[in-house]
Structure formats: C-alpha cells, structure tokens
Amino acid sequence: MLNKSKYINVKGQLIDLDVPRVMGILNITPDSFYGRSRYMDKKEILGAAQRMLEDGADFLDVGGYSSRPGAEDISVEEEKSRVLTALRYISKEFPDAIISVDTFRAEVAREAICDCGAHIVNDISGGDADPKMTELIVELNVPFVIMHMQGNPQTMQKNPVYEDIVSDILIWFGQKTVSLMAAGVKDIIIDPGFGFGKNAGHNFELLRRLKELSIAGLPLMVGLSRKSMIWKTLNVTPGESLNGTSSLNAVALMNGADILRVHDVKEAVETVKLISKVKNTLN
C-alpha cells in the first residue's frame, strides 16, 4: 500500500516524494525581491525554463503576483496577462514539464489549469484569500500547495506575533487541512511560509523545529531561497546568498522537507543528492 504522505497525483502520474524534489521559481514580475528571478519576455521565460529543467527541476512554479513584503497589489487582469502567456509558452515548448501556478486567485488558477497547461496550484494564502479556490481545486482535482502567512504581502512584516511559532502554524494547518479534506481536496502540500508574516527569529526557530510539522502527515515544501533571513544575517545581498541558501536547504532536508522551492535549481539538486546520501548512510 502506498504511503500517501510521500506521493502526489499529478495529471494521473504518481510523483514519489521519498527522494525530495526541486521546484524552480519563474517570477513573471518586474518587482520580485531577487532581480535575477524576473523573466518578462518569451526568450527569457523559455531560456529559464529550459535551464531549470536541464538542471534537474521536477516542477516549475510560475507566478505573476509579487509577494515580497510591501509588494503592489495588482489586478486580476494584470496577473493573468503575465502568468497565462508565460504558461502557454512553457507548456507548448516543454509539454512534459510539470508546472505549478503561483496564485491565490481562483479565476487565474482556473485558466492556468484548464487552458494553459498548469498542473498544480500554489496558493500563498492557503485558500483564504479567495472563497472560490477550494471549490475549484476539488472540481479540477489538482494538487494544492497551502502556505501559512500571517496577514498579506502588504502588511505581513509590520509586527508578526506568535504565542509559539510552530504550535500556532500546526493549529492553522490542522484546521485548514481538515476543512479541505472534508470538501474533497485529495492532494495537499503544506508550506510553512518562511518570511511570510514571520521575523528572522521566527524563521530560524521554525527551521530548527521543522521536523515537528511531520505530525501533519503531508508532503512539506520549503521556500528559503535567497530570503532576507539569509542575506540580512550574513550582511550580504540577495544575489550573494546562494551559499547561505544551500546551507539552510540542507538543514531543511535533514528536518523532513520533501520539496525545495528555489531560484537556483542545479545547486538545490546537488544538495538533495548529498543530503539523501547522508540520510541513507544514517539509516
């Protein structure tokens, strides 16, 4: 019998998460916090997708709404114009690629999945921002990444407060997953949301105690790539934070991460290989 917590069903294909997977980030935005992750024209988009796939990406995550702290709140029409075009480019050029759409809007998700070749919905609000999202996920029967975020991108870093960061997040995930499963959602991936309504202290404690999230019994995605908890701690820039990213990704893998969401696929794939070797030796 399959251990459901280590598999997700993508377009009828069971994806084994026993060995962690890597998701490459393509931001179709002019204002994402890491400049080199922004791809705005067809050549840039297809070049980045090809490079990530060749470097070993298992998934591509395409988003058009910047979620950096204080990001501009753009319209549905603007998000669609960015994301849907990019998805069409990628799905046509790389028909075997497994594509995630990074959106919290059901209208965008529907067109991405039904018309533009996406297969997974990655929602930074965990379905809270759009009351139609859960119904859509059930209807389309696609994997759903739910991320924990306190507040929204415009407010989340103003004064995040927790009684206990891990316990509070686990309570939220527990309530959310029970509701989603009751509604009929079959494949749920949880993302604790590093940097989303969390200060540096919260982030590092969450990473240290990441194993505690295994109680949820669901695949765990971690997005640490080039975030401020790294570059501010090291007193460098986002562009200089690849080494720090790899270091913390290794910690996340040792603590149970099943998917790494990253800007730098090659380095993440290498980290997965090395940590998997260490874990297999320990076992």
C-alpha atoms as a PDB file:
ATOM      1  CA  MET A   1       0.000   0.000   0.000  1.00  0.00           C
ATOM      2  CA  LEU A   2       1.326   3.461  -0.911  1.00  0.00           C
ATOM      3  CA  ASN A   3       2.214   5.880   1.852  1.00  0.00           C
ATOM      4  CA  LYS A   4       0.075   8.791   0.663  1.00  0.00           C
ATOM      5  CA  SER A   5       2.188  11.319   2.520  1.00  0.00           C
ATOM      6  CA  LYS A   6       5.055  10.552   0.140  1.00  0.00           C
ATOM      7  CA  TYR A   7       3.144  10.692  -3.142  1.00  0.00           C
ATOM      8  CA  ILE A   8       1.173  13.286  -5.031  1.00  0.00           C
ATOM      9  CA  ASN A   9      -1.002  12.634  -8.055  1.00  0.00           C
ATOM     10  CA  VAL A  10      -0.202  14.969 -10.942  1.00  0.00           C
ATOM     11  CA  LYS A  11      -2.277  14.513 -14.126  1.00  0.00           C
ATOM     12  CA  GLY A  12      -2.686  10.830 -13.317  1.00  0.00           C
ATOM     13  CA  GLN A  13       1.006  10.296 -12.580  1.00  0.00           C
ATOM     14  CA  LEU A  14       2.099   9.412  -9.054  1.00  0.00           C
ATOM     15  CA  ILE A  15       5.090  11.544  -8.060  1.00  0.00           C
ATOM     16  CA  ASP A  16       7.213   9.773  -5.466  1.00  0.00           C
ATOM     17  CA  LEU A  17       8.487  12.128  -2.760  1.00  0.00           C
ATOM     18  CA  ASP A  18      10.594   9.545  -0.960  1.00  0.00           C
ATOM     19  CA  VAL A  19      13.544  11.354  -2.509  1.00  0.00           C
ATOM     20  CA  PRO A  20      12.961  15.131  -2.158  1.00  0.00           C
ATOM     21  CA  ARG A  21      12.047  17.104  -5.263  1.00  0.00           C
ATOM     22  CA  VAL A  22      13.065  20.532  -6.538  1.00  0.00           C
ATOM     23  CA  MET A  23      10.713  23.263  -7.766  1.00  0.00           C
ATOM     24  CA  GLY A  24      12.226  26.057  -9.848  1.00  0.00           C
ATOM     25  CA  ILE A  25      10.866  29.596  -9.482  1.00  0.00           C
ATOM     26  CA  LEU A  26       9.916  31.698 -12.502  1.00  0.00           C
ATOM     27  CA  ASN A  27       8.663  35.136 -11.484  1.00  0.00           C
ATOM     28  CA  ILE A  28       6.844  36.889 -14.311  1.00  0.00           C
ATOM     29  CA  THR A  29       7.020  40.141 -12.382  1.00  0.00           C
ATOM     30  CA  PRO A  30       9.003  43.378 -12.584  1.00  0.00           C
ATOM     31  CA  ASP A  31       9.410  43.711  -8.806  1.00  0.00           C
ATOM     32  CA  SER A  32      10.236  40.364  -7.166  1.00  0.00           C
ATOM     33  CA  PHE A  33      12.829  40.785  -4.411  1.00  0.00           C
ATOM     34  CA  TYR A  34      15.552  38.877  -6.312  1.00  0.00           C
ATOM     35  CA  GLY A  35      16.150  40.624  -9.612  1.00  0.00           C
ATOM     36  CA  ARG A  36      17.672  37.668 -11.444  1.00  0.00           C
ATOM     37  CA  SER A  37      14.485  35.624 -10.907  1.00  0.00           C
ATOM     38  CA  ARG A  38      12.383  38.016 -13.012  1.00  0.00           C
ATOM     39  CA  TYR A  39      11.531  36.888 -16.544  1.00  0.00           C
ATOM     40  CA  MET A  40       9.364  39.170 -18.647  1.00  0.00           C
ATOM     41  CA  ASP A  41       9.659  38.179 -22.329  1.00  0.00           C
ATOM     42  CA  LYS A  42       9.342  34.917 -24.236  1.00  0.00           C
ATOM     43  CA  LYS A  43      13.064  34.400 -24.738  1.00  0.00           C
ATOM     44  CA  GLU A  44      13.830  34.931 -21.047  1.00  0.00           C
ATOM     45  CA  ILE A  45      10.953  32.724 -19.908  1.00  0.00           C
ATOM     46  CA  LEU A  46      11.784  29.803 -22.180  1.00  0.00           C
ATOM     47  CA  GLY A  47      15.507  30.142 -21.504  1.00  0.00           C
ATOM     48  CA  ALA A  48      14.962  29.997 -17.753  1.00  0.00           C
ATOM     49  CA  ALA A  49      12.560  27.064 -18.030  1.00  0.00           C
ATOM     50  CA  GLN A  50      14.953  25.106 -20.224  1.00  0.00           C
ATOM     51  CA  ARG A  51      17.881  25.769 -17.912  1.00  0.00           C
ATOM     52  CA  MET A  52      15.931  24.685 -14.841  1.00  0.00           C
ATOM     53  CA  LEU A  53      14.656  21.511 -16.478  1.00  0.00           C
ATOM     54  CA  GLU A  54      18.123  20.619 -17.737  1.00  0.00           C
ATOM     55  CA  ASP A  55      19.493  21.232 -14.236  1.00  0.00           C
ATOM     56  CA  GLY A  56      17.029  18.717 -12.811  1.00  0.00           C
ATOM     57  CA  ALA A  57      13.916  20.630 -11.756  1.00  0.00           C
ATOM     58  CA  ASP A  58      10.984  18.323 -11.054  1.00  0.00           C
ATOM     59  CA  PHE A  59       8.468  21.184 -11.122  1.00  0.00           C
ATOM     60  CA  LEU A  60       8.354  24.746 -12.448  1.00  0.00           C
ATOM     61  CA  ASP A  61       6.472  27.338 -10.387  1.00  0.00           C
ATOM     62  CA  VAL A  62       5.189  30.281 -12.422  1.00  0.00           C
ATOM     63  CA  GLY A  63       3.798  33.377 -10.727  1.00  0.00           C
ATOM     64  CA  GLY A  64       2.845  36.896 -11.743  1.00  0.00           C
ATOM     65  CA  TYR A  65       1.993  38.490  -8.407  1.00  0.00           C
ATOM     66  CA  SER A  66       4.999  39.580  -6.376  1.00  0.00           C
ATOM     67  CA  SER A  67       4.616  38.501  -2.747  1.00  0.00           C
ATOM     68  CA  ARG A  68       7.647  40.298  -1.352  1.00  0.00           C
ATOM     69  CA  PRO A  69       6.893  42.426   1.737  1.00  0.00           C
ATOM     70  CA  GLY A  70       5.070  45.590   0.702  1.00  0.00           C
ATOM     71  CA  ALA A  71       4.519  44.432  -2.868  1.00  0.00           C
ATOM     72  CA  GLU A  72       1.999  46.239  -5.051  1.00  0.00           C
ATOM     73  CA  ASP A  73      -1.471  44.709  -5.189  1.00  0.00           C
ATOM     74  CA  ILE A  74      -2.090  44.202  -8.912  1.00  0.00           C
ATOM     75  CA  SER A  75      -5.397  43.487 -10.663  1.00  0.00           C
ATOM     76  CA  VAL A  76      -6.611  40.071 -11.767  1.00  0.00           C
ATOM     77  CA  GLU A  77      -6.288  41.211 -15.379  1.00  0.00           C
ATOM     78  CA  GLU A  78      -2.664  42.215 -14.903  1.00  0.00           C
ATOM     79  CA  GLU A  79      -1.819  38.936 -13.171  1.00  0.00           C
ATOM     80  CA  LYS A  80      -3.469  36.987 -15.980  1.00  0.00           C
ATOM     81  CA  SER A  81      -1.639  38.906 -18.675  1.00  0.00           C
ATOM     82  CA  ARG A  82       1.667  37.991 -17.069  1.00  0.00           C
ATOM     83  CA  VAL A  83       1.071  34.411 -15.997  1.00  0.00           C
ATOM     84  CA  LEU A  84      -1.138  32.868 -18.658  1.00  0.00           C
ATOM     85  CA  THR A  85       1.075  33.927 -21.549  1.00  0.00           C
ATOM     86  CA  ALA A  86       4.148  32.516 -19.805  1.00  0.00           C
ATOM     87  CA  LEU A  87       2.366  29.249 -19.061  1.00  0.00           C
ATOM     88  CA  ARG A  88       1.369  28.865 -22.706  1.00  0.00           C
ATOM     89  CA  TYR A  89       4.966  29.412 -23.814  1.00  0.00           C
ATOM     90  CA  ILE A  90       6.316  26.833 -21.363  1.00  0.00           C
ATOM     91  CA  SER A  91       3.671  24.138 -21.808  1.00  0.00           C
ATOM     92  CA  LYS A  92       3.980  24.308 -25.597  1.00  0.00           C
ATOM     93  CA  GLU A  93       7.782  24.189 -25.623  1.00  0.00           C
ATOM     94  CA  PHE A  94       8.117  21.664 -22.785  1.00  0.00           C
ATOM     95  CA  PRO A  95       4.951  19.518 -22.872  1.00  0.00           C
ATOM     96  CA  ASP A  96       6.285  17.005 -20.332  1.00  0.00           C
ATOM     97  CA  ALA A  97       7.118  19.641 -17.707  1.00  0.00           C
ATOM     98  CA  ILE A  98       5.070  19.624 -14.509  1.00  0.00           C
ATOM     99  CA  ILE A  99       4.009  23.211 -13.907  1.00  0.00           C
ATOM    100  CA  SER A 100       2.697  24.895 -10.786  1.00  0.00           C
ATOM    101  CA  VAL A 101       0.842  28.198 -10.940  1.00  0.00           C
ATOM    102  CA  ASP A 102       1.614  30.514  -8.028  1.00  0.00           C
ATOM    103  CA  THR A 103      -1.645  32.375  -7.401  1.00  0.00           C
ATOM    104  CA  PHE A 104      -4.229  32.940  -4.690  1.00  0.00           C
ATOM    105  CA  ARG A 105      -6.977  33.834  -7.181  1.00  0.00           C
ATOM    106  CA  ALA A 106      -9.331  31.087  -8.352  1.00  0.00           C
ATOM    107  CA  GLU A 107     -10.031  32.870 -11.637  1.00  0.00           C
ATOM    108  CA  VAL A 108      -6.328  32.862 -12.517  1.00  0.00           C
ATOM    109  CA  ALA A 109      -5.894  29.265 -11.340  1.00  0.00           C
ATOM    110  CA  ARG A 110      -8.823  28.020 -13.431  1.00  0.00           C
ATOM    111  CA  GLU A 111      -7.483  29.421 -16.694  1.00  0.00           C
ATOM    112  CA  ALA A 112      -3.942  28.334 -15.834  1.00  0.00           C
ATOM    113  CA  ILE A 113      -5.025  24.732 -15.309  1.00  0.00           C
ATOM    114  CA  CYS A 114      -7.784  24.419 -17.924  1.00  0.00           C
ATOM    115  CA  ASP A 115      -6.308  26.447 -20.783  1.00  0.00           C
ATOM    116  CA  CYS A 116      -2.591  26.970 -20.260  1.00  0.00           C
ATOM    117  CA  GLY A 117      -1.006  23.684 -19.186  1.00  0.00           C
ATOM    118  CA  ALA A 118      -0.502  24.099 -15.434  1.00  0.00           C
ATOM    119  CA  HIS A 119      -0.994  21.096 -13.133  1.00  0.00           C
ATOM    120  CA  ILE A 120      -0.598  22.323  -9.529  1.00  0.00           C
ATOM    121  CA  VAL A 121      -1.930  25.358  -7.652  1.00  0.00           C
ATOM    122  CA  ASN A 122       0.442  27.038  -5.197  1.00  0.00           C
ATOM    123  CA  ASP A 123      -1.557  29.429  -3.006  1.00  0.00           C
ATOM    124  CA  ILE A 124       0.311  31.686  -0.561  1.00  0.00           C
ATOM    125  CA  SER A 125      -2.950  32.304   1.295  1.00  0.00           C
ATOM    126  CA  GLY A 126      -3.765  28.625   1.710  1.00  0.00           C
ATOM    127  CA  GLY A 127      -7.141  29.219   0.093  1.00  0.00           C
ATOM    128  CA  ASP A 128      -8.112  32.009   2.483  1.00  0.00           C
ATOM    129  CA  ALA A 129      -7.877  34.901   0.009  1.00  0.00           C
ATOM    130  CA  ASP A 130     -10.470  33.614  -2.448  1.00  0.00           C
ATOM    131  CA  PRO A 131     -13.556  31.714  -1.220  1.00  0.00           C
ATOM    132  CA  LYS A 132     -13.858  30.054  -4.642  1.00  0.00           C
ATOM    133  CA  MET A 133     -10.423  28.419  -4.549  1.00  0.00           C
ATOM    134  CA  THR A 134     -11.305  25.281  -2.570  1.00  0.00           C
ATOM    135  CA  GLU A 135     -14.267  24.511  -4.804  1.00  0.00           C
ATOM    136  CA  LEU A 136     -12.023  24.932  -7.838  1.00  0.00           C
ATOM    137  CA  ILE A 137      -9.345  22.582  -6.512  1.00  0.00           C
ATOM    138  CA  VAL A 138     -11.983  19.915  -5.834  1.00  0.00           C
ATOM    139  CA  GLU A 139     -13.523  20.371  -9.289  1.00  0.00           C
ATOM    140  CA  LEU A 140     -10.206  20.137 -11.131  1.00  0.00           C
ATOM    141  CA  ASN A 141      -8.706  17.519  -8.773  1.00  0.00           C
ATOM    142  CA  VAL A 142      -5.210  19.011  -8.768  1.00  0.00           C
ATOM    143  CA  PRO A 143      -2.549  19.114  -6.023  1.00  0.00           C
ATOM    144  CA  PHE A 144      -2.890  22.153  -3.773  1.00  0.00           C
ATOM    145  CA  VAL A 145       0.028  23.823  -2.004  1.00  0.00           C
ATOM    146  CA  ILE A 146      -1.216  25.706   1.044  1.00  0.00           C
ATOM    147  CA  MET A 147       1.174  28.156   2.640  1.00  0.00           C
ATOM    148  CA  HIS A 148       0.897  29.741   6.060  1.00  0.00           C
ATOM    149  CA  MET A 149       1.029  33.529   6.072  1.00  0.00           C
ATOM    150  CA  GLN A 150       0.144  35.968   8.836  1.00  0.00           C
ATOM    151  CA  GLY A 151      -1.518  38.963   7.175  1.00  0.00           C
ATOM    152  CA  ASN A 152      -0.946  39.639   3.472  1.00  0.00           C
ATOM    153  CA  PRO A 153       2.071  40.777   1.407  1.00  0.00           C
ATOM    154  CA  GLN A 154       1.223  44.413   2.091  1.00  0.00           C
ATOM    155  CA  THR A 155       1.017  44.002   5.901  1.00  0.00           C
ATOM    156  CA  MET A 156       2.696  40.722   6.858  1.00  0.00           C
ATOM    157  CA  GLN A 157       6.014  42.088   8.125  1.00  0.00           C
ATOM    158  CA  LYS A 158       4.721  45.030  10.159  1.00  0.00           C
ATOM    159  CA  ASN A 159       4.583  43.253  13.508  1.00  0.00           C
ATOM    160  CA  PRO A 160       4.236  39.458  13.305  1.00  0.00           C
ATOM    161  CA  VAL A 161       3.430  37.925  16.698  1.00  0.00           C
ATOM    162  CA  TYR A 162       3.067  34.290  17.736  1.00  0.00           C
ATOM    163  CA  GLU A 163       2.492  32.570  21.042  1.00  0.00           C
ATOM    164  CA  ASP A 164       4.561  29.635  19.748  1.00  0.00           C
ATOM    165  CA  ILE A 165       5.555  29.741  16.087  1.00  0.00           C
ATOM    166  CA  VAL A 166       5.404  26.002  15.404  1.00  0.00           C
ATOM    167  CA  SER A 167       2.324  25.258  17.511  1.00  0.00           C
ATOM    168  CA  ASP A 168       0.435  28.191  16.016  1.00  0.00           C
ATOM    169  CA  ILE A 169       1.261  27.088  12.470  1.00  0.00           C
ATOM    170  CA  LEU A 170       0.355  23.473  13.208  1.00  0.00           C
ATOM    171  CA  ILE A 171      -3.026  24.550  14.583  1.00  0.00           C
ATOM    172  CA  TRP A 172      -3.677  26.551  11.406  1.00  0.00           C
ATOM    173  CA  PHE A 173      -2.613  23.665   9.148  1.00  0.00           C
ATOM    174  CA  GLY A 174      -4.728  21.245  11.162  1.00  0.00           C
ATOM    175  CA  GLN A 175      -7.854  23.347  10.827  1.00  0.00           C
ATOM    176  CA  LYS A 176      -7.168  24.084   7.173  1.00  0.00           C
ATOM    177  CA  THR A 177      -6.449  20.524   6.070  1.00  0.00           C
ATOM    178  CA  VAL A 178      -9.483  19.118   7.889  1.00  0.00           C
ATOM    179  CA  SER A 179     -11.662  21.666   6.091  1.00  0.00           C
ATOM    180  CA  LEU A 180     -10.056  20.994   2.702  1.00  0.00           C
ATOM    181  CA  MET A 181     -10.261  17.227   3.021  1.00  0.00           C
ATOM    182  CA  ALA A 182     -13.888  17.430   4.110  1.00  0.00           C
ATOM    183  CA  ALA A 183     -14.569  19.463   0.965  1.00  0.00           C
ATOM    184  CA  GLY A 184     -12.909  16.789  -1.188  1.00  0.00           C
ATOM    185  CA  VAL A 185      -9.351  18.044  -1.778  1.00  0.00           C
ATOM    186  CA  LYS A 186      -7.166  14.946  -2.251  1.00  0.00           C
ATOM    187  CA  ASP A 187      -3.555  16.089  -2.617  1.00  0.00           C
ATOM    188  CA  ILE A 188      -2.380  18.748  -0.162  1.00  0.00           C
ATOM    189  CA  ILE A 189       1.189  20.003   0.221  1.00  0.00           C
ATOM    190  CA  ILE A 190       1.990  22.247   3.180  1.00  0.00           C
ATOM    191  CA  ASP A 191       4.427  25.175   3.140  1.00  0.00           C
ATOM    192  CA  PRO A 192       5.208  26.890   6.479  1.00  0.00           C
ATOM    193  CA  GLY A 193       5.837  30.188   4.700  1.00  0.00           C
ATOM    194  CA  PHE A 194       9.311  31.312   5.700  1.00  0.00           C
ATOM    195  CA  GLY A 195       9.353  35.111   5.659  1.00  0.00           C
ATOM    196  CA  PHE A 196       5.596  35.480   5.310  1.00  0.00           C
ATOM    197  CA  GLY A 197       4.444  37.211   8.458  1.00  0.00           C
ATOM    198  CA  LYS A 198       7.485  35.999  10.364  1.00  0.00           C
ATOM    199  CA  ASN A 199      10.588  37.800  11.590  1.00  0.00           C
ATOM    200  CA  ALA A 200      14.113  36.343  11.491  1.00  0.00           C
ATOM    201  CA  GLY A 201      13.758  34.809  14.950  1.00  0.00           C
ATOM    202  CA  HIS A 202      10.511  33.114  13.941  1.00  0.00           C
ATOM    203  CA  ASN A 203      12.099  31.827  10.734  1.00  0.00           C
ATOM    204  CA  PHE A 204      15.141  30.281  12.374  1.00  0.00           C
ATOM    205  CA  GLU A 205      13.103  28.680  15.148  1.00  0.00           C
ATOM    206  CA  LEU A 206      10.711  27.286  12.562  1.00  0.00           C
ATOM    207  CA  LEU A 207      13.601  25.805  10.590  1.00  0.00           C
ATOM    208  CA  ARG A 208      15.165  24.316  13.730  1.00  0.00           C
ATOM    209  CA  ARG A 209      11.874  22.673  14.676  1.00  0.00           C
ATOM    210  CA  LEU A 210      10.747  21.803  11.147  1.00  0.00           C
ATOM    211  CA  LYS A 211      10.506  18.087  11.978  1.00  0.00           C
ATOM    212  CA  GLU A 212       7.546  18.875  14.218  1.00  0.00           C
ATOM    213  CA  LEU A 213       5.486  19.630  11.094  1.00  0.00           C
ATOM    214  CA  SER A 214       5.682  15.934  10.158  1.00  0.00           C
ATOM    215  CA  ILE A 215       2.765  15.389  12.535  1.00  0.00           C
ATOM    216  CA  ALA A 216       0.559  16.801   9.767  1.00  0.00           C
ATOM    217  CA  GLY A 217       1.365  13.676   7.722  1.00  0.00           C
ATOM    218  CA  LEU A 218       1.515  15.659   4.477  1.00  0.00           C
ATOM    219  CA  PRO A 219       4.241  16.499   1.949  1.00  0.00           C
ATOM    220  CA  LEU A 220       6.251  19.505   3.109  1.00  0.00           C
ATOM    221  CA  MET A 221       7.502  22.221   0.766  1.00  0.00           C
ATOM    222  CA  VAL A 222      10.089  24.737   1.935  1.00  0.00           C
ATOM    223  CA  GLY A 223      10.923  28.074   0.306  1.00  0.00           C
ATOM    224  CA  LEU A 224      14.084  29.534   1.804  1.00  0.00           C
ATOM    225  CA  SER A 225      15.779  30.586  -1.404  1.00  0.00           C
ATOM    226  CA  ARG A 226      17.735  33.860  -1.067  1.00  0.00           C
ATOM    227  CA  LYS A 227      15.341  35.217   1.572  1.00  0.00           C
ATOM    228  CA  SER A 228      16.180  38.054   3.932  1.00  0.00           C
ATOM    229  CA  MET A 229      16.720  35.711   6.889  1.00  0.00           C
ATOM    230  CA  ILE A 230      19.821  34.603   4.974  1.00  0.00           C
ATOM    231  CA  TRP A 231      21.232  37.763   3.468  1.00  0.00           C
ATOM    232  CA  LYS A 232      20.487  40.007   6.415  1.00  0.00           C
ATOM    233  CA  THR A 233      22.094  37.547   8.821  1.00  0.00           C
ATOM    234  CA  LEU A 234      25.191  37.275   6.628  1.00  0.00           C
ATOM    235  CA  ASN A 235      25.234  41.011   5.803  1.00  0.00           C
ATOM    236  CA  VAL A 236      25.224  40.330   2.059  1.00  0.00           C
ATOM    237  CA  THR A 237      22.777  40.942  -0.794  1.00  0.00           C
ATOM    238  CA  PRO A 238      20.163  38.527  -2.191  1.00  0.00           C
ATOM    239  CA  GLY A 239      22.500  37.999  -5.127  1.00  0.00           C
ATOM    240  CA  GLU A 240      25.250  36.892  -2.746  1.00  0.00           C
ATOM    241  CA  SER A 241      23.117  34.492  -0.729  1.00  0.00           C
ATOM    242  CA  LEU A 242      23.340  31.269  -2.741  1.00  0.00           C
ATOM    243  CA  ASN A 243      25.775  29.626  -0.332  1.00  0.00           C
ATOM    244  CA  GLY A 244      23.550  30.526   2.608  1.00  0.00           C
ATOM    245  CA  THR A 245      20.529  29.194   0.737  1.00  0.00           C
ATOM    246  CA  SER A 246      22.220  25.842   0.124  1.00  0.00           C
ATOM    247  CA  SER A 247      23.219  25.647   3.776  1.00  0.00           C
ATOM    248  CA  LEU A 248      19.699  26.195   5.053  1.00  0.00           C
ATOM    249  CA  ASN A 249      18.209  23.928   2.381  1.00  0.00           C
ATOM    250  CA  ALA A 250      20.438  21.172   3.747  1.00  0.00           C
ATOM    251  CA  VAL A 251      19.063  21.790   7.235  1.00  0.00           C
ATOM    252  CA  ALA A 252      15.514  21.705   5.866  1.00  0.00           C
ATOM    253  CA  LEU A 253      16.144  18.390   4.110  1.00  0.00           C
ATOM    254  CA  MET A 254      17.608  16.863   7.253  1.00  0.00           C
ATOM    255  CA  ASN A 255      14.462  18.029   9.060  1.00  0.00           C
ATOM    256  CA  GLY A 256      11.985  16.479   6.665  1.00  0.00           C
ATOM    257  CA  ALA A 257      11.458  18.794   3.666  1.00  0.00           C
ATOM    258  CA  ASP A 258      10.027  16.939   0.656  1.00  0.00           C
ATOM    259  CA  ILE A 259      10.171  19.768  -1.900  1.00  0.00           C
ATOM    260  CA  LEU A 260      12.628  22.664  -2.145  1.00  0.00           C
ATOM    261  CA  ARG A 261      11.278  25.743  -3.935  1.00  0.00           C
ATOM    262  CA  VAL A 262      14.336  27.570  -5.278  1.00  0.00           C
ATOM    263  CA  HIS A 263      15.763  30.099  -7.682  1.00  0.00           C
ATOM    264  CA  ASP A 264      18.920  28.018  -8.260  1.00  0.00           C
ATOM    265  CA  VAL A 265      17.952  24.527  -9.377  1.00  0.00           C
ATOM    266  CA  LYS A 266      21.374  22.994 -10.030  1.00  0.00           C
ATOM    267  CA  GLU A 267      22.645  23.761  -6.549  1.00  0.00           C
ATOM    268  CA  ALA A 268      19.421  22.536  -4.935  1.00  0.00           C
ATOM    269  CA  VAL A 269      19.555  19.243  -6.855  1.00  0.00           C
ATOM    270  CA  GLU A 270      23.141  18.751  -5.680  1.00  0.00           C
ATOM    271  CA  THR A 271      22.096  19.489  -2.096  1.00  0.00           C
ATOM    272  CA  VAL A 272      19.294  16.907  -2.335  1.00  0.00           C
ATOM    273  CA  LYS A 273      21.717  14.268  -3.650  1.00  0.00           C
ATOM    274  CA  LEU A 274      24.233  14.857  -0.889  1.00  0.00           C
ATOM    275  CA  ILE A 275      21.746  15.017   1.973  1.00  0.00           C
ATOM    276  CA  SER A 276      19.950  11.921   0.664  1.00  0.00           C
ATOM    277  CA  LYS A 277      23.301  10.124   0.744  1.00  0.00           C
ATOM    278  CA  VAL A 278      23.877  11.228   4.334  1.00  0.00           C
ATOM    279  CA  LYS A 279      20.375  10.172   5.421  1.00  0.00           C
ATOM    280  CA  ASN A 280      20.647   6.787   3.703  1.00  0.00           C
ATOM    281  CA  THR A 281      24.004   6.202   5.404  1.00  0.00           C
ATOM    282  CA  LEU A 282      22.461   7.055   8.763  1.00  0.00           C
ATOM    283  CA  ASN A 283      19.634   4.611   8.096  1.00  0.00           C
END
